[in-house]
């Protein structure tokens, strides 16, 4: 499942690092 999330994030130009998601505009969120 994590690989699917990472692949989807790459398609949306979002960096996924462990449990932290860093958006293109600098927003940061935590994966649940």
PDB file of N, CA and C in Angstrom:
ATOM      1  N   UNK A   1       0.825  -1.206   0.000  1.00  0.00           N
ATOM      2  CA  UNK A   1       0.000   0.000   0.000  1.00  0.00           C
ATOM      3  C   UNK A   1       0.860   1.257   0.000  1.00  0.00           C
ATOM      4  N   UNK A   2       1.951   1.243   0.766  1.00  0.00           N
ATOM      5  CA  UNK A   2       2.812   2.427   0.833  1.00  0.00           C
ATOM      6  C   UNK A   2       3.383   2.765  -0.537  1.00  0.00           C
ATOM      7  N   UNK A   3       3.762   1.739  -1.301  1.00  0.00           N
ATOM      8  CA  UNK A   3       4.302   1.983  -2.644  1.00  0.00           C
ATOM      9  C   UNK A   3       3.259   2.642  -3.532  1.00  0.00           C
ATOM     10  N   UNK A   4       2.013   2.244  -3.394  1.00  0.00           N
ATOM     11  CA  UNK A   4       0.935   2.854  -4.174  1.00  0.00           C
ATOM     12  C   UNK A   4       0.811   4.330  -3.818  1.00  0.00           C
ATOM     13  N   UNK A   5       0.882   4.630  -2.534  1.00  0.00           N
ATOM     14  CA  UNK A   5       0.794   6.020  -2.077  1.00  0.00           C
ATOM     15  C   UNK A   5       1.967   6.826  -2.620  1.00  0.00           C
ATOM     16  N   UNK A   6       3.163   6.262  -2.561  1.00  0.00           N
ATOM     17  CA  UNK A   6       4.353   6.956  -3.050  1.00  0.00           C
ATOM     18  C   UNK A   6       4.250   7.199  -4.551  1.00  0.00           C
ATOM     19  N   UNK A   7       3.809   6.193  -5.299  1.00  0.00           N
ATOM     20  CA  UNK A   7       3.664   6.351  -6.746  1.00  0.00           C
ATOM     21  C   UNK A   7       2.627   7.418  -7.077  1.00  0.00           C
ATOM     22  N   UNK A   8       1.525   7.421  -6.350  1.00  0.00           N
ATOM     23  CA  UNK A   8       0.490   8.430  -6.571  1.00  0.00           C
ATOM     24  C   UNK A   8       1.019   9.816  -6.221  1.00  0.00           C
ATOM     25  N   UNK A   9       1.770   9.899  -5.139  1.00  0.00           N
ATOM     26  CA  UNK A   9       2.336  11.181  -4.720  1.00  0.00           C
ATOM     27  C   UNK A   9       3.315  11.709  -5.766  1.00  0.00           C
ATOM     28  N   UNK A  10       4.122  10.817  -6.333  1.00  0.00           N
ATOM     29  CA  UNK A  10       5.066  11.227  -7.376  1.00  0.00           C
ATOM     30  C   UNK A  10       4.315  11.803  -8.571  1.00  0.00           C
ATOM     31  N   UNK A  11       3.203  11.187  -8.907  1.00  0.00           N
ATOM     32  CA  UNK A  11       2.405  11.654 -10.032  1.00  0.00           C
ATOM     33  C   UNK A  11       1.852  13.050  -9.758  1.00  0.00           C
ATOM     34  N   UNK A  12       1.637  13.359  -8.480  1.00  0.00           N
ATOM     35  CA  UNK A  12       1.103  14.666  -8.086  1.00  0.00           C
ATOM     36  C   UNK A  12       2.209  15.626  -7.669  1.00  0.00           C
ATOM     37  N   UNK A  13       3.468  15.231  -7.882  1.00  0.00           N
ATOM     38  CA  UNK A  13       4.632  16.056  -7.542  1.00  0.00           C
ATOM     39  C   UNK A  13       4.689  16.337  -6.043  1.00  0.00           C
ATOM     40  N   UNK A  14       4.463  15.299  -5.248  1.00  0.00           N
ATOM     41  CA  UNK A  14       4.528  15.393  -3.791  1.00  0.00           C
ATOM     42  C   UNK A  14       5.627  14.453  -3.315  1.00  0.00           C
ATOM     43  N   UNK A  15       6.430  14.905  -2.371  1.00  0.00           N
ATOM     44  CA  UNK A  15       7.507  14.081  -1.825  1.00  0.00           C
ATOM     45  C   UNK A  15       6.971  13.321  -0.615  1.00  0.00           C
ATOM     46  N   UNK A  16       7.164  12.012  -0.590  1.00  0.00           N
ATOM     47  CA  UNK A  16       6.760  11.202   0.557  1.00  0.00           C
ATOM     48  C   UNK A  16       8.024  10.678   1.231  1.00  0.00           C
ATOM     49  N   UNK A  17       8.220  11.054   2.476  1.00  0.00           N
ATOM     50  CA  UNK A  17       9.407  10.626   3.214  1.00  0.00           C
ATOM     51  C   UNK A  17       8.947   9.977   4.512  1.00  0.00           C
ATOM     52  N   UNK A  18       9.059   8.654   4.583  1.00  0.00           N
ATOM     53  CA  UNK A  18       8.573   7.884   5.733  1.00  0.00           C
ATOM     54  C   UNK A  18       7.102   8.201   5.970  1.00  0.00           C
ATOM     55  N   UNK A  19       6.757   8.799   7.090  1.00  0.00           N
ATOM     56  CA  UNK A  19       5.353   9.080   7.385  1.00  0.00           C
ATOM     57  C   UNK A  19       5.009  10.547   7.155  1.00  0.00           C
ATOM     58  N   UNK A  20       5.916  11.309   6.552  1.00  0.00           N
ATOM     59  CA  UNK A  20       5.689  12.736   6.350  1.00  0.00           C
ATOM     60  C   UNK A  20       5.477  13.009   4.870  1.00  0.00           C
ATOM     61  N   UNK A  21       4.457  13.761   4.550  1.00  0.00           N
ATOM     62  CA  UNK A  21       4.188  14.153   3.176  1.00  0.00           C
ATOM     63  C   UNK A  21       4.475  15.651   3.054  1.00  0.00           C
ATOM     64  N   UNK A  22       5.346  16.008   2.116  1.00  0.00           N
ATOM     65  CA  UNK A  22       5.679  17.408   1.885  1.00  0.00           C
ATOM     66  C   UNK A  22       5.121  17.799   0.525  1.00  0.00           C
ATOM     67  N   UNK A  23       4.165  18.693   0.532  1.00  0.00           N
ATOM     68  CA  UNK A  23       3.549  19.117  -0.710  1.00  0.00           C
ATOM     69  C   UNK A  23       4.430  20.076  -1.486  1.00  0.00           C
ATOM     70  N   UNK A  24       4.104  20.241  -2.753  1.00  0.00           N
ATOM     71  CA  UNK A  24       4.868  21.107  -3.644  1.00  0.00           C
ATOM     72  C   UNK A  24       4.929  22.535  -3.104  1.00  0.00           C
ATOM     73  N   UNK A  25       3.854  22.969  -2.459  1.00  0.00           N
ATOM     74  CA  UNK A  25       3.793  24.332  -1.940  1.00  0.00           C
ATOM     75  C   UNK A  25       4.350  24.439  -0.521  1.00  0.00           C
ATOM     76  N   UNK A  26       4.921  23.355   0.006  1.00  0.00           N
ATOM     77  CA  UNK A  26       5.554  23.404   1.319  1.00  0.00           C
ATOM     78  C   UNK A  26       4.676  22.922   2.456  1.00  0.00           C
ATOM     79  N   UNK A  27       3.420  22.606   2.167  1.00  0.00           N
ATOM     80  CA  UNK A  27       2.557  22.078   3.221  1.00  0.00           C
ATOM     81  C   UNK A  27       3.051  20.710   3.666  1.00  0.00           C
ATOM     82  N   UNK A  28       2.968  20.450   4.953  1.00  0.00           N
ATOM     83  CA  UNK A  28       3.435  19.177   5.499  1.00  0.00           C
ATOM     84  C   UNK A  28       2.278  18.491   6.213  1.00  0.00           C
ATOM     85  N   UNK A  29       2.119  17.203   5.965  1.00  0.00           N
ATOM     86  CA  UNK A  29       1.089  16.429   6.645  1.00  0.00           C
ATOM     87  C   UNK A  29       1.648  15.085   7.068  1.00  0.00           C
ATOM     88  N   UNK A  30       0.983  14.452   8.004  1.00  0.00           N
ATOM     89  CA  UNK A  30       1.403  13.136   8.476  1.00  0.00           C
ATOM     90  C   UNK A  30       0.439  12.082   7.970  1.00  0.00           C
ATOM     91  N   UNK A  31       0.980  10.987   7.465  1.00  0.00           N
ATOM     92  CA  UNK A  31       0.129   9.877   7.038  1.00  0.00           C
ATOM     93  C   UNK A  31      -0.368   9.137   8.265  1.00  0.00           C
ATOM     94  N   UNK A  32      -1.619   8.724   8.216  1.00  0.00           N
ATOM     95  CA  UNK A  32      -2.198   8.000   9.332  1.00  0.00           C
ATOM     96  C   UNK A  32      -1.999   6.525   9.218  1.00  0.00           C
TER      97      UNK A  32
END
